[in-house]
Amino acid sequence: MRQAFAHQAVVVMAANGDSRAPGAAITVALCGHWDHEPPCLLSPHHTQADRIGGAVHLRTVFAAEPGSEDAIRQRIDDALGGGKLQGPAGVTTHWELRDSQPSAISTAEKDLAARLIQTEA
């Protein structure tokens, strides 16, 4: 039975970098493309990106079978560790991964987590 998990990361990028690019890279890693029809191929997920100074703080909430959790986290780390994504306008955004680690689902994310668990995969 699927469960919800959270993953947090921090990347550093130029001030004019697209703060959505690292989250799109995660979606590419989990779904094949950032612009896809549901369902997500590997894991229903949602990524929130917040720019704080020169850093972008990312939180990804995802639903997966417990046995797949580590593989999903590895895909997230690989996507962020790649450090770049070419966007739809052909502009490539670059970043540097500074931190990435598992996190607990926050109280504010409980409803989102429940929706992701129920989403068809």
Protein backbone atom coordinates (compact mmCIF):
# COMPACT_ATOMS: atom_id res chain seq x y z
CA MET A 1 0.00 0.00 0.00
CA ARG A 2 1.37 3.40 -0.98
CA GLN A 3 2.56 5.83 1.64
CA ALA A 4 3.52 9.49 1.48
CA PHE A 5 7.08 10.67 1.92
CA ALA A 6 8.83 14.04 1.83
CA HIS A 7 12.25 15.04 0.56
CA GLN A 8 13.92 18.41 1.01
CA ALA A 9 16.81 19.94 -0.84
CA VAL A 10 18.65 23.21 -1.29
CA VAL A 11 20.19 24.33 -4.58
CA VAL A 12 22.12 27.50 -5.34
CA MET A 13 21.59 29.33 -8.62
CA ALA A 14 22.06 32.71 -10.22
CA ALA A 15 19.51 35.37 -9.34
CA ASN A 16 18.10 35.24 -12.86
CA GLY A 17 17.83 31.42 -12.81
CA ASP A 18 14.36 29.90 -13.09
CA SER A 19 13.56 28.65 -9.59
CA ARG A 20 11.04 26.22 -11.11
CA ALA A 21 13.74 24.36 -13.07
CA PRO A 22 14.96 22.04 -10.28
CA GLY A 23 11.37 20.94 -9.58
CA ALA A 24 10.84 20.38 -13.29
CA ALA A 25 14.00 18.25 -13.31
CA ILE A 26 12.48 16.13 -10.54
CA THR A 27 9.30 15.73 -12.58
CA VAL A 28 11.34 14.69 -15.63
CA ALA A 29 13.11 12.08 -13.48
CA LEU A 30 9.83 10.69 -12.13
CA CYS A 31 7.55 11.17 -15.14
CA GLY A 32 9.69 11.52 -18.27
CA HIS A 33 8.74 15.15 -18.94
CA TRP A 34 7.65 18.16 -16.87
CA ASP A 35 4.52 18.62 -19.00
CA HIS A 36 2.66 15.32 -18.99
CA GLU A 37 -0.85 14.01 -18.67
CA PRO A 38 -1.67 12.22 -15.40
CA PRO A 39 -0.84 9.86 -13.96
CA CYS A 40 2.80 10.23 -12.99
CA LEU A 41 4.77 7.24 -14.26
CA LEU A 42 6.67 6.33 -11.10
CA SER A 43 5.29 8.35 -8.23
CA PRO A 44 2.57 10.97 -7.82
CA HIS A 45 4.36 13.99 -6.40
CA HIS A 46 4.36 17.73 -5.81
CA THR A 47 7.41 19.97 -5.50
CA GLN A 48 7.38 23.38 -3.86
CA ALA A 49 10.29 25.75 -4.59
CA ASP A 50 11.00 28.82 -2.47
CA ARG A 51 13.84 31.20 -3.29
CA ILE A 52 15.60 32.54 -0.21
CA GLY A 53 18.47 34.79 -1.22
CA GLY A 54 20.69 32.90 -3.65
CA ALA A 55 19.29 29.52 -2.64
CA VAL A 56 16.18 27.66 -3.72
CA HIS A 57 14.65 25.44 -1.06
CA LEU A 58 12.72 22.50 -2.48
CA ARG A 59 10.24 20.18 -0.83
CA THR A 60 8.92 17.22 -2.73
CA VAL A 61 6.03 15.23 -1.32
CA PHE A 62 5.56 11.93 -3.10
CA ALA A 63 3.53 8.74 -2.81
CA ALA A 64 5.13 5.35 -3.32
CA GLU A 65 5.19 1.80 -2.11
CA PRO A 66 7.55 1.63 0.87
CA GLY A 67 9.87 -0.65 -1.11
CA SER A 68 10.23 2.04 -3.80
CA GLU A 69 10.99 4.95 -1.47
CA ASP A 70 14.78 4.73 -1.77
CA ALA A 71 14.66 4.46 -5.58
CA ILE A 72 12.41 7.53 -5.82
CA ARG A 73 14.69 9.50 -3.49
CA GLN A 74 17.70 8.46 -5.60
CA ARG A 75 15.97 9.74 -8.75
CA ILE A 76 15.29 13.06 -6.98
CA ASP A 77 18.94 13.32 -5.91
CA ASP A 78 20.16 12.38 -9.39
CA ALA A 79 17.91 14.99 -11.01
CA LEU A 80 19.07 17.73 -8.66
CA GLY A 81 22.68 16.58 -8.79
CA GLY A 82 22.61 16.96 -12.58
CA GLY A 83 22.59 20.71 -12.00
CA LYS A 84 20.76 21.87 -15.12
CA LEU A 85 17.58 21.76 -17.14
CA GLN A 86 16.75 23.16 -20.55
CA GLY A 87 13.33 24.79 -20.34
CA PRO A 88 10.61 25.09 -22.97
CA ALA A 89 12.05 28.32 -24.41
CA GLY A 90 15.44 26.65 -24.92
CA VAL A 91 17.00 28.47 -21.98
CA THR A 92 19.12 26.26 -19.74
CA THR A 93 19.01 26.93 -16.01
CA HIS A 94 22.03 25.82 -13.97
CA TRP A 95 22.23 25.20 -10.24
CA GLU A 96 24.44 23.52 -7.66
CA LEU A 97 23.00 21.01 -5.22
CA ARG A 98 23.98 21.94 -1.66
CA ASP A 99 21.83 19.64 0.47
CA SER A 100 19.32 16.85 -0.06
CA GLN A 101 17.72 14.62 2.54
CA PRO A 102 14.58 12.80 3.62
CA SER A 103 12.09 14.76 5.68
CA ALA A 104 8.89 14.07 7.56
CA ILE A 105 5.52 15.07 6.12
CA SER A 106 4.56 18.33 7.82
CA THR A 107 1.14 19.04 9.27
CA ALA A 108 0.51 21.50 6.42
CA GLU A 109 1.27 18.72 3.89
CA LYS A 110 -1.08 16.06 5.33
CA ASP A 111 -3.96 16.79 2.91
CA LEU A 112 -1.61 16.89 -0.08
CA ALA A 113 -0.05 13.61 1.04
CA ALA A 114 -3.48 11.98 1.31
CA ARG A 115 -4.40 13.15 -2.22
CA LEU A 116 -1.15 11.83 -3.65
CA ILE A 117 -1.66 8.43 -2.02
CA GLN A 118 -5.11 8.22 -3.64
CA THR A 119 -3.92 9.35 -7.08
CA GLU A 120 -3.91 6.60 -9.67
CA ALA A 121 -0.42 5.58 -10.72
